Amino acid sequence: MRKLLAIGLLAMPLQACMDNDIQRGLLGAGVGAALTQATGGNLYAGAVLGGLFGTVCDDVNVCGRR
């Protein structure tokens, strides 16, 4: 559980540093895959959901970009 929390907390500030949706999407996909690998979930589903979140995080003001 600590590994899951650490990966998630480290990824959020990184997404704010990315310049465009493609970079944030790729980072989100990597983090989503890592989180599901750490918890024993479906790797591909985690990558897809992480990529989706990374792509839209700035549009919904979650990743800190304004």
C-alpha atoms as a PDB file:
ATOM      1  CA  MET A   1       0.000   0.000   0.000  1.00  0.00           C
ATOM      2  CA  ARG A   2       2.856   2.380   0.751  1.00  0.00           C
ATOM      3  CA  LYS A   3       4.370   1.750  -2.675  1.00  0.00           C
ATOM      4  CA  LEU A   4       1.042   2.575  -4.307  1.00  0.00           C
ATOM      5  CA  LEU A   5       0.710   5.811  -2.373  1.00  0.00           C
ATOM      6  CA  ALA A   6       4.315   6.825  -3.033  1.00  0.00           C
ATOM      7  CA  ILE A   7       4.025   6.317  -6.796  1.00  0.00           C
ATOM      8  CA  GLY A   8       0.790   8.276  -6.942  1.00  0.00           C
ATOM      9  CA  LEU A   9       2.121  11.177  -4.883  1.00  0.00           C
ATOM     10  CA  LEU A  10       5.326  11.410  -6.894  1.00  0.00           C
ATOM     11  CA  ALA A  11       3.487  11.424 -10.209  1.00  0.00           C
ATOM     12  CA  MET A  12       1.116  14.340  -9.590  1.00  0.00           C
ATOM     13  CA  PRO A  13       3.786  17.096  -9.466  1.00  0.00           C
ATOM     14  CA  LEU A  14       5.484  15.615 -12.522  1.00  0.00           C
ATOM     15  CA  GLN A  15       2.334  15.973 -14.590  1.00  0.00           C
ATOM     16  CA  ALA A  16       2.258  19.699 -13.890  1.00  0.00           C
ATOM     17  CA  CYS A  17       5.750  20.007 -15.401  1.00  0.00           C
ATOM     18  CA  MET A  18       4.747  18.512 -18.740  1.00  0.00           C
ATOM     19  CA  ASP A  19       4.116  20.970 -21.575  1.00  0.00           C
ATOM     20  CA  ASN A  20       1.338  19.298 -23.547  1.00  0.00           C
ATOM     21  CA  ASP A  21      -1.360  16.651 -23.398  1.00  0.00           C
ATOM     22  CA  ILE A  22       0.764  13.996 -25.133  1.00  0.00           C
ATOM     23  CA  GLN A  23       3.538  14.251 -22.549  1.00  0.00           C
ATOM     24  CA  ARG A  24       1.073  14.186 -19.654  1.00  0.00           C
ATOM     25  CA  GLY A  25      -0.765  11.255 -21.256  1.00  0.00           C
ATOM     26  CA  LEU A  26       2.430   9.231 -21.635  1.00  0.00           C
ATOM     27  CA  LEU A  27       3.449   9.953 -18.056  1.00  0.00           C
ATOM     28  CA  GLY A  28      -0.044   9.036 -16.847  1.00  0.00           C
ATOM     29  CA  ALA A  29       0.073   5.772 -18.788  1.00  0.00           C
ATOM     30  CA  GLY A  30       3.408   4.874 -17.233  1.00  0.00           C
ATOM     31  CA  VAL A  31       2.243   5.710 -13.739  1.00  0.00           C
ATOM     32  CA  GLY A  32      -1.048   3.862 -14.252  1.00  0.00           C
ATOM     33  CA  ALA A  33       0.824   0.773 -15.428  1.00  0.00           C
ATOM     34  CA  ALA A  34       3.215   0.977 -12.470  1.00  0.00           C
ATOM     35  CA  LEU A  35       0.364   1.333  -9.979  1.00  0.00           C
ATOM     36  CA  THR A  36      -1.531  -1.649 -11.342  1.00  0.00           C
ATOM     37  CA  GLN A  37       1.670  -3.701 -11.467  1.00  0.00           C
ATOM     38  CA  ALA A  38       2.292  -2.875  -7.794  1.00  0.00           C
ATOM     39  CA  THR A  39      -1.235  -3.841  -6.798  1.00  0.00           C
ATOM     40  CA  GLY A  40      -1.616  -6.908  -9.014  1.00  0.00           C
ATOM     41  CA  GLY A  41      -4.260  -5.386 -11.294  1.00  0.00           C
ATOM     42  CA  ASN A  42      -4.648  -5.379 -15.059  1.00  0.00           C
ATOM     43  CA  LEU A  43      -1.585  -3.665 -16.519  1.00  0.00           C
ATOM     44  CA  TYR A  44      -3.249  -2.537 -19.743  1.00  0.00           C
ATOM     45  CA  ALA A  45      -6.337  -1.139 -18.051  1.00  0.00           C
ATOM     46  CA  GLY A  46      -4.135   0.819 -15.651  1.00  0.00           C
ATOM     47  CA  ALA A  47      -2.093   2.239 -18.521  1.00  0.00           C
ATOM     48  CA  VAL A  48      -5.204   3.278 -20.448  1.00  0.00           C
ATOM     49  CA  LEU A  49      -6.861   4.905 -17.443  1.00  0.00           C
ATOM     50  CA  GLY A  50      -3.627   6.594 -16.372  1.00  0.00           C
ATOM     51  CA  GLY A  51      -3.094   7.942 -19.871  1.00  0.00           C
ATOM     52  CA  LEU A  52      -6.646   9.236 -19.997  1.00  0.00           C
ATOM     53  CA  PHE A  53      -6.260  10.972 -16.646  1.00  0.00           C
ATOM     54  CA  GLY A  54      -2.901  12.452 -17.648  1.00  0.00           C
ATOM     55  CA  THR A  55      -4.375  13.839 -20.840  1.00  0.00           C
ATOM     56  CA  VAL A  56      -7.333  15.602 -19.218  1.00  0.00           C
ATOM     57  CA  CYS A  57      -5.818  16.563 -15.841  1.00  0.00           C
ATOM     58  CA  ASP A  58      -5.044  20.124 -16.932  1.00  0.00           C
ATOM     59  CA  ASP A  59      -8.507  20.575 -18.446  1.00  0.00           C
ATOM     60  CA  VAL A  60     -10.178  19.832 -15.104  1.00  0.00           C
ATOM     61  CA  ASN A  61      -7.507  21.694 -13.054  1.00  0.00           C
ATOM     62  CA  VAL A  62      -6.236  18.619 -11.198  1.00  0.00           C
ATOM     63  CA  CYS A  63      -2.548  18.654 -12.096  1.00  0.00           C
ATOM     64  CA  GLY A  64      -1.870  22.250 -11.140  1.00  0.00           C
ATOM     65  CA  ARG A  65      -1.650  23.943 -14.555  1.00  0.00           C
ATOM     66  CA  ARG A  66      -3.611  27.137 -15.048  1.00  0.00           C
END
